[in-house]
């Protein structure tokens, strides 16, 4: 029995510091979270955010004894609800038994990539989102007519400029972009009337690519829905997120892992395997406070959608 890899043996391989390290990597890997504003960590499942819903109205006073305008400002509440994201990674016991095998160097990128894919898909497109999370950004922009079809302008730079105008028309400033990876080839070589590059590709580590001086992140984790959007422009400071629980781990050694249809994928005991279960809890919200010029249809994001001819071909 001394040679059997137990739950305790496997858990001993998980360094405590990997929890916070993986969370930091997820925040960097996720194209949305890296653009959004992070709030302090949540202390409960839900956190309320006060949102300005009515602006005060001022006016001139007529003469020395004229009456001053009386107005008020109102606040409403938006709620951030922490939801659980999890992944189970089966590992053959033979792999764990190899003392020179750096299991964490291999597993960490898969955890980071999968958590980033799930988060980006839910926030941007509402893909498999929890019921208590807001609608996806692309859905929200479309419902408020904050979309522009690719090819409307003279070139893609003009298209992006017009999309930015939709955000600015709501009283917000564009602080960044999220785009499909295929957009990168369309941006290279774009120049202004003076011959200067409009798109500034990243030429060194930790320096983001920019367009119109704002960072652009390409979503490369297979969460992007190309039929719905090519580019998202927005005031990403208006989108906020908060973490309720860092990554936690549990090593399973006697469990049965099944797919969504109930079909058994792995029988850990029978297949001489263990499985690492990773869980993280976080939530996000888009307060969308009232602005002076935005009106009822205000929204801090706008979307460049595929050309209708592209959709027909697909």
Protein backbone atom coordinates (compact mmCIF):
# COMPACT_ATOMS: atom_id res chain seq x y z
CA UNK A 1 0.00 0.00 0.00
CA UNK A 2 2.97 2.30 0.49
CA UNK A 3 3.36 2.78 -3.27
CA UNK A 4 -0.25 3.88 -3.84
CA UNK A 5 -0.75 7.57 -4.59
CA UNK A 6 -3.40 8.80 -2.17
CA UNK A 7 -5.37 12.02 -1.99
CA UNK A 8 -2.94 13.28 0.66
CA UNK A 9 0.08 12.49 -1.52
CA UNK A 10 -1.39 14.43 -4.43
CA UNK A 11 -2.51 17.43 -2.41
CA UNK A 12 1.00 17.79 -1.06
CA UNK A 13 2.07 18.67 -4.61
CA UNK A 14 -0.13 21.79 -4.66
CA UNK A 15 1.80 24.82 -3.36
CA UNK A 16 -0.38 27.27 -1.45
CA UNK A 17 0.92 30.26 -3.40
CA UNK A 18 -0.40 28.81 -6.65
CA UNK A 19 -3.91 29.92 -5.73
CA UNK A 20 -3.19 33.65 -5.88
CA UNK A 21 -0.72 33.18 -8.72
CA UNK A 22 -3.31 31.47 -10.93
CA UNK A 23 -5.92 34.12 -10.12
CA UNK A 24 -3.50 36.84 -11.23
CA UNK A 25 -2.83 34.92 -14.43
CA UNK A 26 -6.56 34.51 -15.09
CA UNK A 27 -7.07 38.25 -14.69
CA UNK A 28 -4.31 38.88 -17.23
CA UNK A 29 -5.40 36.12 -19.63
CA UNK A 30 -9.01 37.27 -19.72
CA UNK A 31 -9.29 40.02 -22.31
CA UNK A 32 -12.29 41.51 -20.52
CA UNK A 33 -11.06 41.48 -16.93
CA UNK A 34 -7.76 43.04 -17.98
CA UNK A 35 -9.73 46.02 -19.34
CA UNK A 36 -12.40 46.26 -16.64
CA UNK A 37 -12.19 47.95 -13.25
CA UNK A 38 -11.60 45.69 -10.27
CA UNK A 39 -13.53 46.39 -7.07
CA UNK A 40 -12.44 45.19 -3.62
CA UNK A 41 -13.01 41.50 -3.01
CA UNK A 42 -16.54 40.55 -2.01
CA UNK A 43 -17.28 39.48 1.56
CA UNK A 44 -20.58 37.82 0.68
CA UNK A 45 -22.32 36.34 -2.35
CA UNK A 46 -23.84 39.68 -3.35
CA UNK A 47 -22.63 43.28 -3.26
CA UNK A 48 -24.82 46.32 -4.02
CA UNK A 49 -23.47 49.20 -6.08
CA UNK A 50 -25.19 52.60 -5.77
CA UNK A 51 -25.83 54.01 -9.26
CA UNK A 52 -26.83 57.57 -10.11
CA UNK A 53 -30.23 57.31 -11.82
CA UNK A 54 -31.35 60.96 -11.87
CA UNK A 55 -29.34 64.15 -12.35
CA UNK A 56 -29.95 67.46 -10.53
CA UNK A 57 -31.23 70.34 -12.67
CA UNK A 58 -29.97 73.90 -12.06
CA UNK A 59 -31.16 77.23 -13.44
CA UNK A 60 -30.49 80.98 -13.42
CA UNK A 61 -31.94 83.15 -10.67
CA UNK A 62 -33.93 86.21 -11.87
CA UNK A 63 -32.81 89.34 -10.06
CA UNK A 64 -31.91 89.75 -6.42
CA UNK A 65 -35.03 88.11 -5.07
CA UNK A 66 -35.67 85.44 -7.67
CA UNK A 67 -36.29 81.87 -6.64
CA UNK A 68 -33.49 79.35 -6.96
CA UNK A 69 -34.25 76.12 -8.79
CA UNK A 70 -34.95 73.14 -6.55
CA UNK A 71 -33.92 69.73 -7.76
CA UNK A 72 -32.69 66.39 -6.49
CA UNK A 73 -30.45 63.52 -7.46
CA UNK A 74 -31.50 59.90 -7.18
CA UNK A 75 -29.56 56.68 -6.78
CA UNK A 76 -30.53 53.12 -7.55
CA UNK A 77 -28.77 49.86 -6.83
CA UNK A 78 -27.08 47.33 -9.09
CA UNK A 79 -26.04 44.02 -7.61
CA UNK A 80 -22.86 42.03 -8.25
CA UNK A 81 -23.53 38.34 -7.69
CA UNK A 82 -20.60 35.98 -7.26
CA UNK A 83 -20.97 32.79 -9.25
CA UNK A 84 -18.81 29.69 -9.30
CA UNK A 85 -16.52 28.73 -12.15
CA UNK A 86 -14.97 25.29 -11.95
CA UNK A 87 -12.93 22.81 -13.92
CA UNK A 88 -11.89 19.22 -13.23
CA UNK A 89 -8.58 18.03 -14.66
CA UNK A 90 -8.00 14.24 -14.62
CA UNK A 91 -4.38 13.22 -14.10
CA UNK A 92 -2.97 9.69 -14.51
CA UNK A 93 -1.34 8.47 -11.32
CA UNK A 94 1.68 7.44 -13.35
CA UNK A 95 2.26 11.13 -14.09
CA UNK A 96 2.13 12.07 -10.43
CA UNK A 97 4.45 9.19 -9.60
CA UNK A 98 7.20 10.72 -11.72
CA UNK A 99 9.11 12.82 -9.19
CA UNK A 100 10.87 14.86 -11.88
CA UNK A 101 7.67 15.78 -13.71
CA UNK A 102 6.71 19.41 -13.07
CA UNK A 103 2.96 18.83 -12.99
CA UNK A 104 2.11 22.43 -12.11
CA UNK A 105 4.07 23.82 -15.03
CA UNK A 106 1.83 21.74 -17.29
CA UNK A 107 -1.52 22.17 -15.54
CA UNK A 108 -1.44 25.88 -14.72
CA UNK A 109 -1.78 27.14 -18.34
CA UNK A 110 -4.80 24.88 -18.93
CA UNK A 111 -6.55 26.21 -15.82
CA UNK A 112 -5.82 29.82 -16.75
CA UNK A 113 -6.94 29.40 -20.37
CA UNK A 114 -10.20 27.65 -19.49
CA UNK A 115 -11.22 30.09 -16.77
CA UNK A 116 -10.41 33.00 -19.12
CA UNK A 117 -12.53 31.45 -21.90
CA UNK A 118 -15.55 30.98 -19.63
CA UNK A 119 -15.31 34.49 -18.17
CA UNK A 120 -14.84 36.27 -21.50
CA UNK A 121 -17.65 34.36 -23.19
CA UNK A 122 -20.13 35.17 -20.42
CA UNK A 123 -19.23 38.86 -20.12
CA UNK A 124 -18.92 39.66 -23.82
CA UNK A 125 -21.59 37.46 -25.38
CA UNK A 126 -23.60 36.05 -22.47
CA UNK A 127 -22.39 32.55 -23.36
CA UNK A 128 -23.64 30.13 -20.67
CA UNK A 129 -23.83 33.04 -18.25
CA UNK A 130 -25.37 32.58 -14.79
CA UNK A 131 -28.91 33.91 -14.45
CA UNK A 132 -27.86 36.59 -11.96
CA UNK A 133 -25.15 38.03 -14.21
CA UNK A 134 -25.95 40.95 -16.55
CA UNK A 135 -26.63 40.37 -20.23
CA UNK A 136 -23.54 40.13 -22.39
CA UNK A 137 -21.99 43.40 -23.54
CA UNK A 138 -22.65 42.65 -27.22
CA UNK A 139 -26.31 41.87 -26.48
CA UNK A 140 -26.65 45.04 -24.40
CA UNK A 141 -25.14 47.20 -27.12
CA UNK A 142 -27.37 45.68 -29.81
CA UNK A 143 -30.54 46.22 -27.77
CA UNK A 144 -29.67 49.93 -27.54
CA UNK A 145 -28.76 50.33 -31.22
CA UNK A 146 -25.06 50.79 -30.41
CA UNK A 147 -23.84 48.77 -33.39
CA UNK A 148 -22.26 49.55 -36.73
CA UNK A 149 -21.81 47.17 -39.65
CA UNK A 150 -18.28 46.51 -40.85
CA UNK A 151 -17.64 48.31 -44.15
CA UNK A 152 -19.95 51.26 -43.44
CA UNK A 153 -17.08 53.75 -43.53
CA UNK A 154 -14.33 54.34 -46.06
CA UNK A 155 -12.07 51.80 -44.32
CA UNK A 156 -11.86 49.93 -41.02
CA UNK A 157 -10.28 52.94 -39.29
CA UNK A 158 -13.33 54.99 -40.23
CA UNK A 159 -15.59 52.17 -39.00
CA UNK A 160 -13.83 52.13 -35.63
CA UNK A 161 -14.01 55.92 -35.41
CA UNK A 162 -17.78 55.75 -35.94
CA UNK A 163 -18.18 53.00 -33.36
CA UNK A 164 -16.29 55.18 -30.89
CA UNK A 165 -18.75 57.95 -31.71
CA UNK A 166 -21.63 55.75 -30.59
CA UNK A 167 -19.98 55.39 -27.18
CA UNK A 168 -19.21 59.09 -26.96
CA UNK A 169 -22.79 59.89 -27.90
CA UNK A 170 -23.82 58.21 -24.66
CA UNK A 171 -21.57 60.51 -22.64
CA UNK A 172 -18.68 58.09 -22.23
CA UNK A 173 -15.09 58.02 -23.48
CA UNK A 174 -13.60 54.93 -25.10
CA UNK A 175 -10.83 53.52 -22.92
CA UNK A 176 -10.09 50.36 -24.90
CA UNK A 177 -11.17 47.72 -27.38
CA UNK A 178 -11.70 43.98 -27.47
CA UNK A 179 -11.56 42.32 -30.85
CA UNK A 180 -11.38 39.04 -32.71
CA UNK A 181 -7.89 37.89 -33.61
CA UNK A 182 -8.66 38.06 -37.34
CA UNK A 183 -9.02 41.84 -37.04
CA UNK A 184 -5.30 42.25 -36.49
CA UNK A 185 -4.45 41.70 -40.16
CA UNK A 186 -7.02 44.33 -41.16
CA UNK A 187 -5.42 46.91 -38.90
CA UNK A 188 -1.80 46.52 -39.93
CA UNK A 189 -0.66 49.27 -42.25
CA UNK A 190 -3.52 51.67 -41.53
CA UNK A 191 -2.26 55.24 -41.74
CA UNK A 192 -3.67 58.69 -41.19
CA UNK A 193 -3.51 61.57 -43.69
CA UNK A 194 -0.01 62.43 -42.49
CA UNK A 195 1.25 58.89 -43.00
CA UNK A 196 1.32 58.04 -39.30
CA UNK A 197 0.27 54.63 -38.10
CA UNK A 198 -3.24 54.60 -36.65
CA UNK A 199 -2.75 51.10 -35.31
CA UNK A 200 0.27 50.71 -33.07
CA UNK A 201 1.18 47.03 -32.74
CA UNK A 202 2.90 45.85 -29.58
CA UNK A 203 6.65 45.73 -30.20
CA UNK A 204 7.84 44.84 -26.71
CA UNK A 205 6.69 42.85 -23.72
CA UNK A 206 3.97 44.34 -21.48
CA UNK A 207 3.23 47.07 -24.06
CA UNK A 208 -0.30 46.68 -25.44
CA UNK A 209 -1.27 47.22 -29.05
CA UNK A 210 -3.25 50.44 -29.47
CA UNK A 211 -5.59 52.06 -31.95
CA UNK A 212 -6.45 55.75 -31.66
CA UNK A 213 -4.11 55.65 -28.62
CA UNK A 214 -6.35 53.20 -26.73
CA UNK A 215 -5.36 49.59 -25.93
CA UNK A 216 -6.83 46.75 -27.96
CA UNK A 217 -6.97 43.19 -26.62
CA UNK A 218 -7.51 40.28 -28.95
CA UNK A 219 -9.62 37.46 -27.58
CA UNK A 220 -7.69 34.30 -28.40
CA UNK A 221 -9.25 31.78 -26.02
CA UNK A 222 -12.03 30.57 -28.34
CA UNK A 223 -14.76 32.53 -26.56
CA UNK A 224 -15.25 35.12 -29.32
CA UNK A 225 -18.42 34.77 -31.44
CA UNK A 226 -17.33 36.01 -34.87
CA UNK A 227 -20.86 36.03 -36.25
CA UNK A 228 -21.92 38.59 -33.63
CA UNK A 229 -19.01 41.01 -33.45
CA UNK A 230 -15.67 41.98 -34.91
CA UNK A 231 -14.75 44.66 -32.37
CA UNK A 232 -16.10 46.05 -29.10
CA UNK A 233 -15.29 49.63 -28.13
CA UNK A 234 -16.18 51.04 -24.76
CA UNK A 235 -15.55 52.79 -21.51
CA UNK A 236 -14.28 49.69 -19.73
CA UNK A 237 -14.03 51.55 -16.42
CA UNK A 238 -17.83 51.38 -16.29
CA UNK A 239 -17.72 47.56 -16.23
CA UNK A 240 -16.67 46.32 -12.81
CA UNK A 241 -15.89 42.94 -11.31
CA UNK A 242 -15.14 41.55 -7.89
CA UNK A 243 -13.70 38.28 -6.65
CA UNK A 244 -15.49 36.39 -3.89
CA UNK A 245 -13.13 33.44 -3.68
CA UNK A 246 -9.67 32.76 -5.04
CA UNK A 247 -8.85 29.44 -6.66
CA UNK A 248 -9.41 26.49 -4.33
CA UNK A 249 -8.42 22.91 -5.04
CA UNK A 250 -9.59 19.46 -4.16
CA UNK A 251 -7.99 16.25 -5.31
CA UNK A 252 -10.45 13.45 -6.15
CA UNK A 253 -9.33 9.84 -6.28
CA UNK A 254 -12.53 7.75 -6.12
CA UNK A 255 -14.94 9.82 -8.20
CA UNK A 256 -16.68 9.18 -11.49
CA UNK A 257 -16.54 12.05 -14.00
CA UNK A 258 -19.38 12.31 -16.50
CA UNK A 259 -20.32 14.67 -19.33
CA UNK A 260 -23.47 16.78 -19.65
CA UNK A 261 -25.43 13.79 -20.95
CA UNK A 262 -24.49 11.64 -17.99
CA UNK A 263 -22.04 9.51 -19.96
CA UNK A 264 -19.05 8.41 -17.88
CA UNK A 265 -15.84 9.98 -19.16
CA UNK A 266 -13.47 8.84 -16.44
CA UNK A 267 -13.73 6.34 -13.60
CA UNK A 268 -10.80 7.46 -11.47
CA UNK A 269 -10.41 4.37 -9.31
CA UNK A 270 -10.74 1.97 -12.23
CA UNK A 271 -8.39 3.93 -14.49
CA UNK A 272 -5.68 4.61 -11.88
CA UNK A 273 -6.25 8.35 -12.04
CA UNK A 274 -6.79 11.29 -9.75
CA UNK A 275 -8.54 14.54 -10.69
CA UNK A 276 -7.81 18.08 -9.63
CA UNK A 277 -10.97 20.14 -9.10
CA UNK A 278 -10.42 23.91 -9.27
CA UNK A 279 -13.07 26.39 -8.19
CA UNK A 280 -13.21 30.21 -8.35
CA UNK A 281 -16.05 32.60 -7.53
CA UNK A 282 -16.47 36.08 -8.97
CA UNK A 283 -19.10 38.45 -10.31
CA UNK A 284 -19.38 41.49 -12.57
CA UNK A 285 -21.81 44.31 -13.22
CA UNK A 286 -22.37 47.22 -15.60
CA UNK A 287 -23.88 50.09 -13.57
CA UNK A 288 -24.46 52.37 -16.63
CA UNK A 289 -25.16 55.52 -14.58
CA UNK A 290 -27.20 58.36 -16.04
CA UNK A 291 -25.19 60.90 -18.05
CA UNK A 292 -25.91 64.43 -19.21
CA UNK A 293 -26.16 63.56 -22.91
CA UNK A 294 -26.80 59.85 -23.05
CA UNK A 295 -30.55 59.67 -22.68
CA UNK A 296 -32.49 56.50 -21.95
CA UNK A 297 -30.57 54.55 -24.61
CA UNK A 298 -27.15 55.33 -23.15
CA UNK A 299 -24.62 52.50 -23.01
CA UNK A 300 -20.85 52.61 -22.43
CA UNK A 301 -20.12 50.10 -25.22
CA UNK A 302 -20.64 49.83 -28.97
CA UNK A 303 -19.98 46.99 -31.38
CA UNK A 304 -18.60 46.71 -34.89
CA UNK A 305 -20.61 43.84 -36.36
CA UNK A 306 -19.68 41.66 -39.35
CA UNK A 307 -20.79 42.76 -42.79
CA UNK A 308 -24.12 41.22 -43.76
CA UNK A 309 -22.38 39.57 -46.74
CA UNK A 310 -20.03 37.79 -44.31
CA UNK A 311 -22.99 36.49 -42.32
CA UNK A 312 -24.68 35.26 -45.49
CA UNK A 313 -21.55 33.34 -46.50
CA UNK A 314 -21.31 31.72 -43.08
